[in-house]
Amino acid sequence: QVQLVESGGGLVQAGGSLRLSCAASTRTFSNYGMGWFRQAPGKEREFVATILWGGGTTSYTDSVKGRFTISRDKAKNTVYLQMNSLKPEDTAVYYCAARVGPFASYDYWGQGTQVTVSS
């Protein structure tokens, strides 16, 4: 059983920055990769960024490329999302997730952290 806890959300002016963190409760689960997703009011949850735990390969949705950076600290079993040049369109609840293999769905999810970007 893996518990994921997000932190770092808040209210930011457009153009500002936030760093989200997500810590896993255990270091012994088979972590293939972790990712960040977000859900805006009235919208479906969407992919934001992922990172492979082993080699660190990253991927991003087009709307955040060049602004967001996903990273991980393997020793701390923690994934981060550095968000720069924030836009009002980035306003959403952000969730981190983990999967145990390349063909597995994201099995573990955090509780979410609110990010609000004002204009």
PDB file of N, CA and C in Angstrom:
ATOM      1  N   GLN A   1       0.830  -1.174   0.000  1.00  0.00           N
ATOM      2  CA  GLN A   1       0.000   0.000   0.000  1.00  0.00           C
ATOM      3  C   GLN A   1       0.882   1.248   0.000  1.00  0.00           C
ATOM      4  N   VAL A   2       0.599   2.159  -0.925  1.00  0.00           N
ATOM      5  CA  VAL A   2       1.376   3.382  -1.070  1.00  0.00           C
ATOM      6  C   VAL A   2       0.462   4.580  -0.874  1.00  0.00           C
ATOM      7  N   GLN A   3       0.908   5.491  -0.047  1.00  0.00           N
ATOM      8  CA  GLN A   3       0.201   6.745   0.157  1.00  0.00           C
ATOM      9  C   GLN A   3       1.023   7.879  -0.445  1.00  0.00           C
ATOM     10  N   LEU A   4       0.368   8.748  -1.198  1.00  0.00           N
ATOM     11  CA  LEU A   4       1.011   9.899  -1.809  1.00  0.00           C
ATOM     12  C   LEU A   4       0.403  11.166  -1.230  1.00  0.00           C
ATOM     13  N   VAL A   5       1.258  12.089  -0.834  1.00  0.00           N
ATOM     14  CA  VAL A   5       0.802  13.327  -0.215  1.00  0.00           C
ATOM     15  C   VAL A   5       1.406  14.510  -0.951  1.00  0.00           C
ATOM     16  N   GLU A   6       0.550  15.341  -1.555  1.00  0.00           N
ATOM     17  CA  GLU A   6       0.995  16.531  -2.266  1.00  0.00           C
ATOM     18  C   GLU A   6       1.033  17.732  -1.330  1.00  0.00           C
ATOM     19  N   SER A   7       1.905  18.673  -1.669  1.00  0.00           N
ATOM     20  CA  SER A   7       1.961  19.932  -0.951  1.00  0.00           C
ATOM     21  C   SER A   7       2.527  20.999  -1.877  1.00  0.00           C
ATOM     22  N   GLY A   8       2.390  22.254  -1.485  1.00  0.00           N
ATOM     23  CA  GLY A   8       2.998  23.349  -2.220  1.00  0.00           C
ATOM     24  C   GLY A   8       2.049  24.200  -3.038  1.00  0.00           C
ATOM     25  N   GLY A   9       0.783  23.835  -3.084  1.00  0.00           N
ATOM     26  CA  GLY A   9      -0.171  24.638  -3.819  1.00  0.00           C
ATOM     27  C   GLY A   9      -0.456  25.954  -3.126  1.00  0.00           C
ATOM     28  N   GLY A  10      -1.155  26.828  -3.839  1.00  0.00           N
ATOM     29  CA  GLY A  10      -1.494  28.118  -3.270  1.00  0.00           C
ATOM     30  C   GLY A  10      -2.027  29.075  -4.303  1.00  0.00           C
ATOM     31  N   LEU A  11      -2.133  30.325  -3.901  1.00  0.00           N
ATOM     32  CA  LEU A  11      -2.624  31.397  -4.759  1.00  0.00           C
ATOM     33  C   LEU A  11      -1.441  32.223  -5.238  1.00  0.00           C
ATOM     34  N   VAL A  12      -1.334  32.389  -6.547  1.00  0.00           N
ATOM     35  CA  VAL A  12      -0.199  33.085  -7.154  1.00  0.00           C
ATOM     36  C   VAL A  12      -0.687  34.036  -8.237  1.00  0.00           C
ATOM     37  N   GLN A  13      -0.009  35.157  -8.365  1.00  0.00           N
ATOM     38  CA  GLN A  13      -0.271  36.090  -9.452  1.00  0.00           C
ATOM     39  C   GLN A  13       0.255  35.520 -10.764  1.00  0.00           C
ATOM     40  N   ALA A  14      -0.417  35.848 -11.862  1.00  0.00           N
ATOM     41  CA  ALA A  14       0.060  35.422 -13.173  1.00  0.00           C
ATOM     42  C   ALA A  14       1.513  35.835 -13.367  1.00  0.00           C
ATOM     43  N   GLY A  15       2.304  34.919 -13.899  1.00  0.00           N
ATOM     44  CA  GLY A  15       3.723  35.144 -14.074  1.00  0.00           C
ATOM     45  C   GLY A  15       4.573  34.655 -12.919  1.00  0.00           C
ATOM     46  N   GLY A  16       3.937  34.272 -11.836  1.00  0.00           N
ATOM     47  CA  GLY A  16       4.647  33.790 -10.670  1.00  0.00           C
ATOM     48  C   GLY A  16       5.005  32.324 -10.759  1.00  0.00           C
ATOM     49  N   SER A  17       5.543  31.802  -9.658  1.00  0.00           N
ATOM     50  CA  SER A  17       6.030  30.428  -9.618  1.00  0.00           C
ATOM     51  C   SER A  17       5.564  29.708  -8.369  1.00  0.00           C
ATOM     52  N   LEU A  18       5.446  28.402  -8.485  1.00  0.00           N
ATOM     53  CA  LEU A  18       5.181  27.511  -7.369  1.00  0.00           C
ATOM     54  C   LEU A  18       5.957  26.225  -7.594  1.00  0.00           C
ATOM     55  N   ARG A  19       6.279  25.545  -6.502  1.00  0.00           N
ATOM     56  CA  ARG A  19       6.848  24.211  -6.595  1.00  0.00           C
ATOM     57  C   ARG A  19       5.989  23.253  -5.796  1.00  0.00           C
ATOM     58  N   LEU A  20       5.452  22.258  -6.478  1.00  0.00           N
ATOM     59  CA  LEU A  20       4.664  21.227  -5.841  1.00  0.00           C
ATOM     60  C   LEU A  20       5.554  20.048  -5.469  1.00  0.00           C
ATOM     61  N   SER A  21       5.237  19.414  -4.362  1.00  0.00           N
ATOM     62  CA  SER A  21       5.955  18.230  -3.919  1.00  0.00           C
ATOM     63  C   SER A  21       4.975  17.099  -3.681  1.00  0.00           C
ATOM     64  N   CYS A  22       5.431  15.887  -3.890  1.00  0.00           N
ATOM     65  CA  CYS A  22       4.619  14.709  -3.629  1.00  0.00           C
ATOM     66  C   CYS A  22       5.516  13.639  -3.041  1.00  0.00           C
ATOM     67  N   ALA A  23       5.258  13.269  -1.802  1.00  0.00           N
ATOM     68  CA  ALA A  23       6.062  12.280  -1.106  1.00  0.00           C
ATOM     69  C   ALA A  23       5.303  10.969  -0.979  1.00  0.00           C
ATOM     70  N   ALA A  24       5.976   9.877  -1.266  1.00  0.00           N
ATOM     71  CA  ALA A  24       5.405   8.547  -1.108  1.00  0.00           C
ATOM     72  C   ALA A  24       5.689   8.024   0.289  1.00  0.00           C
ATOM     73  N   SER A  25       4.763   7.228   0.794  1.00  0.00           N
ATOM     74  CA  SER A  25       4.868   6.747   2.165  1.00  0.00           C
ATOM     75  C   SER A  25       5.886   5.639   2.344  1.00  0.00           C
ATOM     76  N   THR A  26       6.290   5.013   1.251  1.00  0.00           N
ATOM     77  CA  THR A  26       7.250   3.926   1.328  1.00  0.00           C
ATOM     78  C   THR A  26       8.282   4.054   0.220  1.00  0.00           C
ATOM     79  N   ARG A  27       9.470   3.546   0.490  1.00  0.00           N
ATOM     80  CA  ARG A  27      10.543   3.556  -0.499  1.00  0.00           C
ATOM     81  C   ARG A  27      10.723   2.196  -1.165  1.00  0.00           C
ATOM     82  N   THR A  28       9.919   1.226  -0.786  1.00  0.00           N
ATOM     83  CA  THR A  28      10.129  -0.143  -1.234  1.00  0.00           C
ATOM     84  C   THR A  28       9.156  -0.610  -2.315  1.00  0.00           C
ATOM     85  N   PHE A  29       8.187   0.200  -2.683  1.00  0.00           N
ATOM     86  CA  PHE A  29       7.275  -0.230  -3.737  1.00  0.00           C
ATOM     87  C   PHE A  29       7.972  -0.137  -5.087  1.00  0.00           C
ATOM     88  N   SER A  30       7.468  -0.916  -6.042  1.00  0.00           N
ATOM     89  CA  SER A  30       8.059  -0.962  -7.380  1.00  0.00           C
ATOM     90  C   SER A  30       7.637   0.268  -8.163  1.00  0.00           C
ATOM     91  N   ASN A  31       8.458   1.298  -8.097  1.00  0.00           N
ATOM     92  CA  ASN A  31       8.132   2.573  -8.705  1.00  0.00           C
ATOM     93  C   ASN A  31       8.720   2.643 -10.112  1.00  0.00           C
ATOM     94  N   TYR A  32       7.873   2.535 -11.107  1.00  0.00           N
ATOM     95  CA  TYR A  32       8.310   2.685 -12.483  1.00  0.00           C
ATOM     96  C   TYR A  32       8.323   4.154 -12.905  1.00  0.00           C
ATOM     97  N   GLY A  33       7.327   4.885 -12.474  1.00  0.00           N
ATOM     98  CA  GLY A  33       7.259   6.285 -12.826  1.00  0.00           C
ATOM     99  C   GLY A  33       6.197   7.013 -12.032  1.00  0.00           C
ATOM    100  N   MET A  34       6.352   8.314 -11.968  1.00  0.00           N
ATOM    101  CA  MET A  34       5.374   9.153 -11.307  1.00  0.00           C
ATOM    102  C   MET A  34       5.006  10.308 -12.216  1.00  0.00           C
ATOM    103  N   GLY A  35       3.852  10.870 -11.958  1.00  0.00           N
ATOM    104  CA  GLY A  35       3.388  11.944 -12.803  1.00  0.00           C
ATOM    105  C   GLY A  35       2.510  12.924 -12.074  1.00  0.00           C
ATOM    106  N   TRP A  36       2.243  14.021 -12.755  1.00  0.00           N
ATOM    107  CA  TRP A  36       1.345  15.052 -12.271  1.00  0.00           C
ATOM    108  C   TRP A  36       0.188  15.206 -13.238  1.00  0.00           C
ATOM    109  N   PHE A  37      -0.995  15.314 -12.680  1.00  0.00           N
ATOM    110  CA  PHE A  37      -2.221  15.545 -13.430  1.00  0.00           C
ATOM    111  C   PHE A  37      -2.948  16.714 -12.794  1.00  0.00           C
ATOM    112  N   ARG A  38      -3.863  17.304 -13.522  1.00  0.00           N
ATOM    113  CA  ARG A  38      -4.616  18.408 -12.955  1.00  0.00           C
ATOM    114  C   ARG A  38      -6.059  18.363 -13.434  1.00  0.00           C
ATOM    115  N   GLN A  39      -6.922  18.953 -12.635  1.00  0.00           N
ATOM    116  CA  GLN A  39      -8.335  19.004 -12.959  1.00  0.00           C
ATOM    117  C   GLN A  39      -8.878  20.379 -12.594  1.00  0.00           C
ATOM    118  N   ALA A  40      -9.331  21.101 -13.604  1.00  0.00           N
ATOM    119  CA  ALA A  40      -9.934  22.405 -13.408  1.00  0.00           C
ATOM    120  C   ALA A  40     -11.426  22.241 -13.149  1.00  0.00           C
ATOM    121  N   PRO A  41     -12.062  23.228 -12.537  1.00  0.00           N
ATOM    122  CA  PRO A  41     -13.500  23.130 -12.272  1.00  0.00           C
ATOM    123  C   PRO A  41     -14.299  22.860 -13.536  1.00  0.00           C
ATOM    124  N   GLY A  42     -15.138  21.842 -13.495  1.00  0.00           N
ATOM    125  CA  GLY A  42     -15.972  21.499 -14.627  1.00  0.00           C
ATOM    126  C   GLY A  42     -15.259  20.806 -15.770  1.00  0.00           C
ATOM    127  N   LYS A  43     -13.986  20.482 -15.598  1.00  0.00           N
ATOM    128  CA  LYS A  43     -13.201  19.862 -16.658  1.00  0.00           C
ATOM    129  C   LYS A  43     -12.760  18.463 -16.252  1.00  0.00           C
ATOM    130  N   GLU A  44     -12.344  17.690 -17.248  1.00  0.00           N
ATOM    131  CA  GLU A  44     -11.800  16.369 -16.989  1.00  0.00           C
ATOM    132  C   GLU A  44     -10.361  16.476 -16.510  1.00  0.00           C
ATOM    133  N   ARG A  45      -9.930  15.485 -15.767  1.00  0.00           N
ATOM    134  CA  ARG A  45      -8.540  15.433 -15.346  1.00  0.00           C
ATOM    135  C   ARG A  45      -7.641  15.261 -16.566  1.00  0.00           C
ATOM    136  N   GLU A  46      -6.537  15.996 -16.602  1.00  0.00           N
ATOM    137  CA  GLU A  46      -5.629  15.926 -17.734  1.00  0.00           C
ATOM    138  C   GLU A  46      -4.201  15.682 -17.283  1.00  0.00           C
ATOM    139  N   PHE A  47      -3.452  15.072 -18.166  1.00  0.00           N
ATOM    140  CA  PHE A  47      -2.040  14.821 -17.948  1.00  0.00           C
ATOM    141  C   PHE A  47      -1.257  16.120 -17.987  1.00  0.00           C
ATOM    142  N   VAL A  48      -0.274  16.250 -17.105  1.00  0.00           N
ATOM    143  CA  VAL A  48       0.607  17.413 -17.093  1.00  0.00           C
ATOM    144  C   VAL A  48       2.045  17.009 -17.399  1.00  0.00           C
ATOM    145  N   ALA A  49       2.596  16.093 -16.608  1.00  0.00           N
ATOM    146  CA  ALA A  49       3.994  15.700 -16.767  1.00  0.00           C
ATOM    147  C   ALA A  49       4.231  14.349 -16.126  1.00  0.00           C
ATOM    148  N   THR A  50       5.211  13.606 -16.649  1.00  0.00           N
ATOM    149  CA  THR A  50       5.606  12.339 -16.057  1.00  0.00           C
ATOM    150  C   THR A  50       7.121  12.225 -16.029  1.00  0.00           C
ATOM    151  N   ILE A  51       7.611  11.373 -15.146  1.00  0.00           N
ATOM    152  CA  ILE A  51       9.034  11.089 -15.075  1.00  0.00           C
ATOM    153  C   ILE A  51       9.232   9.613 -14.776  1.00  0.00           C
ATOM    154  N   LEU A  52      10.149   8.979 -15.496  1.00  0.00           N
ATOM    155  CA  LEU A  52      10.517   7.603 -15.200  1.00  0.00           C
ATOM    156  C   LEU A  52      11.459   7.599 -14.013  1.00  0.00           C
ATOM    157  N   TRP A  53      11.201   6.687 -13.079  1.00  0.00           N
ATOM    158  CA  TRP A  53      11.957   6.715 -11.837  1.00  0.00           C
ATOM    159  C   TRP A  53      13.409   6.310 -12.010  1.00  0.00           C
ATOM    160  N   GLY A  54      13.660   5.387 -12.915  1.00  0.00           N
ATOM    161  CA  GLY A  54      15.014   4.898 -13.112  1.00  0.00           C
ATOM    162  C   GLY A  54      15.902   5.888 -13.825  1.00  0.00           C
ATOM    163  N   GLY A  55      15.622   6.125 -15.097  1.00  0.00           N
ATOM    164  CA  GLY A  55      16.478   6.973 -15.906  1.00  0.00           C
ATOM    165  C   GLY A  55      16.147   8.449 -15.873  1.00  0.00           C
ATOM    166  N   GLY A  56      14.973   8.799 -15.371  1.00  0.00           N
ATOM    167  CA  GLY A  56      14.609  10.194 -15.256  1.00  0.00           C
ATOM    168  C   GLY A  56      14.036  10.820 -16.516  1.00  0.00           C
ATOM    169  N   THR A  57      13.702  10.017 -17.510  1.00  0.00           N
ATOM    170  CA  THR A  57      13.101  10.540 -18.732  1.00  0.00           C
ATOM    171  C   THR A  57      11.785  11.233 -18.416  1.00  0.00           C
ATOM    172  N   THR A  58      11.601  12.411 -18.979  1.00  0.00           N
ATOM    173  CA  THR A  58      10.420  13.216 -18.692  1.00  0.00           C
ATOM    174  C   THR A  58       9.572  13.433 -19.932  1.00  0.00           C
ATOM    175  N   SER A  59       8.316  13.721 -19.716  1.00  0.00           N
ATOM    176  CA  SER A  59       7.421  14.129 -20.782  1.00  0.00           C
ATOM    177  C   SER A  59       6.429  15.141 -20.230  1.00  0.00           C
ATOM    178  N   TYR A  60       5.938  16.012 -21.119  1.00  0.00           N
ATOM    179  CA  TYR A  60       5.063  17.098 -20.722  1.00  0.00           C
ATOM    180  C   TYR A  60       3.948  17.280 -21.730  1.00  0.00           C
ATOM    181  N   THR A  61       2.828  17.747 -21.259  1.00  0.00           N
ATOM    182  CA  THR A  61       1.803  18.191 -22.177  1.00  0.00           C
ATOM    183  C   THR A  61       2.255  19.504 -22.808  1.00  0.00           C
ATOM    184  N   ASP A  62       1.834  19.749 -24.037  1.00  0.00           N
ATOM    185  CA  ASP A  62       2.350  20.884 -24.796  1.00  0.00           C
ATOM    186  C   ASP A  62       2.132  22.223 -24.097  1.00  0.00           C
ATOM    187  N   SER A  63       1.047  22.369 -23.407  1.00  0.00           N
ATOM    188  CA  SER A  63       0.705  23.660 -22.824  1.00  0.00           C
ATOM    189  C   SER A  63       1.639  24.094 -21.699  1.00  0.00           C
ATOM    190  N   VAL A  64       2.434  23.169 -21.150  1.00  0.00           N
ATOM    191  CA  VAL A  64       3.327  23.528 -20.049  1.00  0.00           C
ATOM    192  C   VAL A  64       4.798  23.419 -20.416  1.00  0.00           C
ATOM    193  N   LYS A  65       5.104  22.973 -21.608  1.00  0.00           N
ATOM    194  CA  LYS A  65       6.502  22.838 -22.022  1.00  0.00           C
ATOM    195  C   LYS A  65       7.209  24.186 -21.972  1.00  0.00           C
ATOM    196  N   GLY A  66       8.399  24.176 -21.401  1.00  0.00           N
ATOM    197  CA  GLY A  66       9.168  25.393 -21.260  1.00  0.00           C
ATOM    198  C   GLY A  66       8.845  26.182 -20.010  1.00  0.00           C
ATOM    199  N   ARG A  67       7.771  25.818 -19.323  1.00  0.00           N
ATOM    200  CA  ARG A  67       7.372  26.520 -18.107  1.00  0.00           C
ATOM    201  C   ARG A  67       7.443  25.639 -16.869  1.00  0.00           C
ATOM    202  N   PHE A  68       7.081  24.375 -17.018  1.00  0.00           N
ATOM    203  CA  PHE A  68       7.065  23.439 -15.900  1.00  0.00           C
ATOM    204  C   PHE A  68       8.224  22.458 -16.022  1.00  0.00           C
ATOM    205  N   THR A  69       8.738  22.022 -14.881  1.00  0.00           N
ATOM    206  CA  THR A  69       9.788  21.019 -14.840  1.00  0.00           C
ATOM    207  C   THR A  69       9.457  19.981 -13.783  1.00  0.00           C
ATOM    208  N   ILE A  70       9.416  18.722 -14.189  1.00  0.00           N
ATOM    209  CA  ILE A  70       9.211  17.638 -13.245  1.00  0.00           C
ATOM    210  C   ILE A  70      10.564  17.039 -12.878  1.00  0.00           C
ATOM    211  N   SER A  71      10.730  16.684 -11.630  1.00  0.00           N
ATOM    212  CA  SER A  71      11.975  16.087 -11.170  1.00  0.00           C
ATOM    213  C   SER A  71      11.676  15.144 -10.015  1.00  0.00           C
ATOM    214  N   ARG A  72      12.658  14.338  -9.649  1.00  0.00           N
ATOM    215  CA  ARG A  72      12.448  13.449  -8.518  1.00  0.00           C
ATOM    216  C   ARG A  72      13.704  13.347  -7.679  1.00  0.00           C
ATOM    217  N   ASP A  73      13.519  13.062  -6.412  1.00  0.00           N
ATOM    218  CA  ASP A  73      14.582  12.788  -5.473  1.00  0.00           C
ATOM    219  C   ASP A  73      14.378  11.348  -5.032  1.00  0.00           C
ATOM    220  N   LYS A  74      15.174  10.459  -5.570  1.00  0.00           N
ATOM    221  CA  LYS A  74      14.987   9.039  -5.303  1.00  0.00           C
ATOM    222  C   LYS A  74      15.231   8.700  -3.834  1.00  0.00           C
ATOM    223  N   ALA A  75      16.174   9.371  -3.213  1.00  0.00           N
ATOM    224  CA  ALA A  75      16.470   9.112  -1.811  1.00  0.00           C
ATOM    225  C   ALA A  75      15.291   9.469  -0.917  1.00  0.00           C
ATOM    226  N   LYS A  76      14.546  10.495  -1.298  1.00  0.00           N
ATOM    227  CA  LYS A  76      13.401  10.945  -0.512  1.00  0.00           C
ATOM    228  C   LYS A  76      12.083  10.379  -1.005  1.00  0.00           C
ATOM    229  N   ASN A  77      12.132   9.616  -2.096  1.00  0.00           N
ATOM    230  CA  ASN A  77      10.919   9.058  -2.694  1.00  0.00           C
ATOM    231  C   ASN A  77       9.893  10.158  -2.959  1.00  0.00           C
ATOM    232  N   THR A  78      10.370  11.231  -3.544  1.00  0.00           N
ATOM    233  CA  THR A  78       9.562  12.424  -3.735  1.00  0.00           C
ATOM    234  C   THR A  78       9.677  12.925  -5.170  1.00  0.00           C
ATOM    235  N   VAL A  79       8.557  13.351  -5.718  1.00  0.00           N
ATOM    236  CA  VAL A  79       8.533  13.965  -7.041  1.00  0.00           C
ATOM    237  C   VAL A  79       8.114  15.422  -6.889  1.00  0.00           C
ATOM    238  N   TYR A  80       8.660  16.281  -7.751  1.00  0.00           N
ATOM    239  CA  TYR A  80       8.403  17.707  -7.694  1.00  0.00           C
ATOM    240  C   TYR A  80       7.872  18.201  -9.029  1.00  0.00           C
ATOM    241  N   LEU A  81       7.145  19.281  -8.972  1.00  0.00           N
ATOM    242  CA  LEU A  81       6.745  19.986 -10.182  1.00  0.00           C
ATOM    243  C   LEU A  81       7.032  21.461  -9.974  1.00  0.00           C
ATOM    244  N   GLN A  82       8.080  21.950 -10.622  1.00  0.00           N
ATOM    245  CA  GLN A  82       8.396  23.369 -10.592  1.00  0.00           C
ATOM    246  C   GLN A  82       7.590  24.062 -11.680  1.00  0.00           C
ATOM    247  N   MET A  83       6.779  25.025 -11.296  1.00  0.00           N
ATOM    248  CA  MET A  83       5.895  25.709 -12.217  1.00  0.00           C
ATOM    249  C   MET A  83       6.285  27.183 -12.272  1.00  0.00           C
ATOM    250  N   ASN A  84       6.743  27.620 -13.429  1.00  0.00           N
ATOM    251  CA  ASN A  84       7.128  29.011 -13.648  1.00  0.00           C
ATOM    252  C   ASN A  84       6.203  29.645 -14.677  1.00  0.00           C
ATOM    253  N   SER A  85       6.226  30.957 -14.721  1.00  0.00           N
ATOM    254  CA  SER A  85       5.415  31.710 -15.687  1.00  0.00           C
ATOM    255  C   SER A  85       3.968  31.248 -15.679  1.00  0.00           C
ATOM    256  N   LEU A  86       3.414  31.144 -14.502  1.00  0.00           N
ATOM    257  CA  LEU A  86       2.065  30.606 -14.359  1.00  0.00           C
ATOM    258  C   LEU A  86       1.026  31.502 -15.017  1.00  0.00           C
ATOM    259  N   LYS A  87       0.020  30.856 -15.568  1.00  0.00           N
ATOM    260  CA  LYS A  87      -1.076  31.526 -16.248  1.00  0.00           C
ATOM    261  C   LYS A  87      -2.386  31.191 -15.557  1.00  0.00           C
ATOM    262  N   PRO A  88      -3.399  32.046 -15.690  1.00  0.00           N
ATOM    263  CA  PRO A  88      -4.702  31.709 -15.114  1.00  0.00           C
ATOM    264  C   PRO A  88      -5.235  30.354 -15.589  1.00  0.00           C
ATOM    265  N   GLU A  89      -4.897  29.955 -16.798  1.00  0.00           N
ATOM    266  CA  GLU A  89      -5.332  28.672 -17.332  1.00  0.00           C
ATOM    267  C   GLU A  89      -4.735  27.484 -16.589  1.00  0.00           C
ATOM    268  N   ASP A  90      -3.708  27.723 -15.790  1.00  0.00           N
ATOM    269  CA  ASP A  90      -3.095  26.658 -15.001  1.00  0.00           C
ATOM    270  C   ASP A  90      -3.862  26.374 -13.712  1.00  0.00           C
ATOM    271  N   THR A  91      -4.843  27.187 -13.408  1.00  0.00           N
ATOM    272  CA  THR A  91      -5.625  27.003 -12.193  1.00  0.00           C
ATOM    273  C   THR A  91      -6.324  25.646 -12.214  1.00  0.00           C
ATOM    274  N   ALA A  92      -6.090  24.848 -11.185  1.00  0.00           N
ATOM    275  CA  ALA A  92      -6.650  23.505 -11.106  1.00  0.00           C
ATOM    276  C   ALA A  92      -6.239  22.875  -9.787  1.00  0.00           C
ATOM    277  N   VAL A  93      -6.846  21.742  -9.494  1.00  0.00           N
ATOM    278  CA  VAL A  93      -6.334  20.874  -8.452  1.00  0.00           C
ATOM    279  C   VAL A  93      -5.299  19.966  -9.099  1.00  0.00           C
ATOM    280  N   TYR A  94      -4.114  19.933  -8.533  1.00  0.00           N
ATOM    281  CA  TYR A  94      -3.029  19.127  -9.064  1.00  0.00           C
ATOM    282  C   TYR A  94      -2.869  17.860  -8.243  1.00  0.00           C
ATOM    283  N   TYR A  95      -2.773  16.733  -8.935  1.00  0.00           N
ATOM    284  CA  TYR A  95      -2.636  15.432  -8.311  1.00  0.00           C
ATOM    285  C   TYR A  95      -1.346  14.768  -8.763  1.00  0.00           C
ATOM    286  N   CYS A  96      -0.657  14.123  -7.846  1.00  0.00           N
ATOM    287  CA  CYS A  96       0.442  13.270  -8.252  1.00  0.00           C
ATOM    288  C   CYS A  96      -0.021  11.823  -8.255  1.00  0.00           C
ATOM    289  N   ALA A  97       0.673  11.000  -9.031  1.00  0.00           N
ATOM    290  CA  ALA A  97       0.302   9.604  -9.175  1.00  0.00           C
ATOM    291  C   ALA A  97       1.543   8.766  -9.422  1.00  0.00           C
ATOM    292  N   ALA A  98       1.426   7.468  -9.149  1.00  0.00           N
ATOM    293  CA  ALA A  98       2.528   6.545  -9.350  1.00  0.00           C
ATOM    294  C   ALA A  98       2.030   5.283 -10.031  1.00  0.00           C
ATOM    295  N   ARG A  99       2.900   4.681 -10.839  1.00  0.00           N
ATOM    296  CA  ARG A  99       2.595   3.409 -11.467  1.00  0.00           C
ATOM    297  C   ARG A  99       3.760   2.457 -11.284  1.00  0.00           C
ATOM    298  N   VAL A 100       3.473   1.164 -11.361  1.00  0.00           N
ATOM    299  CA  VAL A 100       4.472   0.157 -11.038  1.00  0.00           C
ATOM    300  C   VAL A 100       5.109  -0.467 -12.258  1.00  0.00           C
ATOM    301  N   GLY A 101       4.633  -0.146 -13.453  1.00  0.00           N
ATOM    302  CA  GLY A 101       5.212  -0.701 -14.663  1.00  0.00           C
ATOM    303  C   GLY A 101       4.790   0.075 -15.883  1.00  0.00           C
ATOM    304  N   PRO A 102       5.463  -0.159 -17.030  1.00  0.00           N
ATOM    305  CA  PRO A 102       5.189   0.630 -18.236  1.00  0.00           C
ATOM    306  C   PRO A 102       3.813   0.386 -18.838  1.00  0.00           C
ATOM    307  N   PHE A 103       3.210  -0.735 -18.539  1.00  0.00           N
ATOM    308  CA  PHE A 103       1.897  -1.052 -19.086  1.00  0.00           C
ATOM    309  C   PHE A 103       0.802  -0.995 -18.034  1.00  0.00           C
ATOM    310  N   ALA A 104       1.145  -0.509 -16.878  1.00  0.00           N
ATOM    311  CA  ALA A 104       0.185  -0.380 -15.801  1.00  0.00           C
ATOM    312  C   ALA A 104      -0.430   1.006 -15.810  1.00  0.00           C
ATOM    313  N   SER A 105      -1.650   1.076 -15.354  1.00  0.00           N
ATOM    314  CA  SER A 105      -2.274   2.370 -15.133  1.00  0.00           C
ATOM    315  C   SER A 105      -1.666   2.995 -13.883  1.00  0.00           C
ATOM    316  N   TYR A 106      -1.978   4.243 -13.654  1.00  0.00           N
ATOM    317  CA  TYR A 106      -1.534   4.892 -12.430  1.00  0.00           C
ATOM    318  C   TYR A 106      -2.386   4.377 -11.286  1.00  0.00           C
ATOM    319  N   ASP A 107      -1.779   3.610 -10.414  1.00  0.00           N
ATOM    320  CA  ASP A 107      -2.496   2.893  -9.370  1.00  0.00           C
ATOM    321  C   ASP A 107      -2.643   3.683  -8.080  1.00  0.00           C
ATOM    322  N   TYR A 108      -1.733   4.604  -7.840  1.00  0.00           N
ATOM    323  CA  TYR A 108      -1.710   5.335  -6.582  1.00  0.00           C
ATOM    324  C   TYR A 108      -1.842   6.824  -6.859  1.00  0.00           C
ATOM    325  N   TRP A 109      -2.701   7.456  -6.092  1.00  0.00           N
ATOM    326  CA  TRP A 109      -3.009   8.874  -6.296  1.00  0.00           C
ATOM    327  C   TRP A 109      -2.975   9.640  -4.990  1.00  0.00           C
ATOM    328  N   GLY A 110      -2.499  10.862  -5.064  1.00  0.00           N
ATOM    329  CA  GLY A 110      -2.537  11.739  -3.918  1.00  0.00           C
ATOM    330  C   GLY A 110      -3.891  12.396  -3.764  1.00  0.00           C
ATOM    331  N   GLN A 111      -4.026  13.188  -2.728  1.00  0.00           N
ATOM    332  CA  GLN A 111      -5.302  13.820  -2.407  1.00  0.00           C
ATOM    333  C   GLN A 111      -5.555  15.098  -3.199  1.00  0.00           C
ATOM    334  N   GLY A 112      -4.524  15.634  -3.824  1.00  0.00           N
ATOM    335  CA  GLY A 112      -4.645  16.846  -4.610  1.00  0.00           C
ATOM    336  C   GLY A 112      -4.269  18.091  -3.830  1.00  0.00           C
ATOM    337  N   THR A 113      -3.728  19.069  -4.548  1.00  0.00           N
ATOM    338  CA  THR A 113      -3.410  20.357  -3.960  1.00  0.00           C
ATOM    339  C   THR A 113      -3.870  21.454  -4.917  1.00  0.00           C
ATOM    340  N   GLN A 114      -4.520  22.472  -4.380  1.00  0.00           N
ATOM    341  CA  GLN A 114      -5.110  23.522  -5.201  1.00  0.00           C
ATOM    342  C   GLN A 114      -4.066  24.531  -5.638  1.00  0.00           C
ATOM    343  N   VAL A 115      -4.049  24.828  -6.927  1.00  0.00           N
ATOM    344  CA  VAL A 115      -3.236  25.903  -7.484  1.00  0.00           C
ATOM    345  C   VAL A 115      -4.176  26.907  -8.133  1.00  0.00           C
ATOM    346  N   THR A 116      -4.108  28.142  -7.686  1.00  0.00           N
ATOM    347  CA  THR A 116      -4.945  29.198  -8.241  1.00  0.00           C
ATOM    348  C   THR A 116      -4.053  30.329  -8.727  1.00  0.00           C
ATOM    349  N   VAL A 117      -4.207  30.694  -9.988  1.00  0.00           N
ATOM    350  CA  VAL A 117      -3.410  31.752 -10.599  1.00  0.00           C
ATOM    351  C   VAL A 117      -4.342  32.898 -10.958  1.00  0.00           C
ATOM    352  N   SER A 118      -4.102  34.040 -10.373  1.00  0.00           N
ATOM    353  CA  SER A 118      -4.930  35.214 -10.618  1.00  0.00           C
ATOM    354  C   SER A 118      -4.318  36.080 -11.701  1.00  0.00           C
ATOM    355  N   SER A 119      -5.173  36.833 -12.391  1.00  0.00           N
ATOM    356  CA  SER A 119      -4.705  37.732 -13.437  1.00  0.00           C
ATOM    357  C   SER A 119      -4.481  39.136 -12.918  1.00  0.00           C
TER     358      SER A 119
END
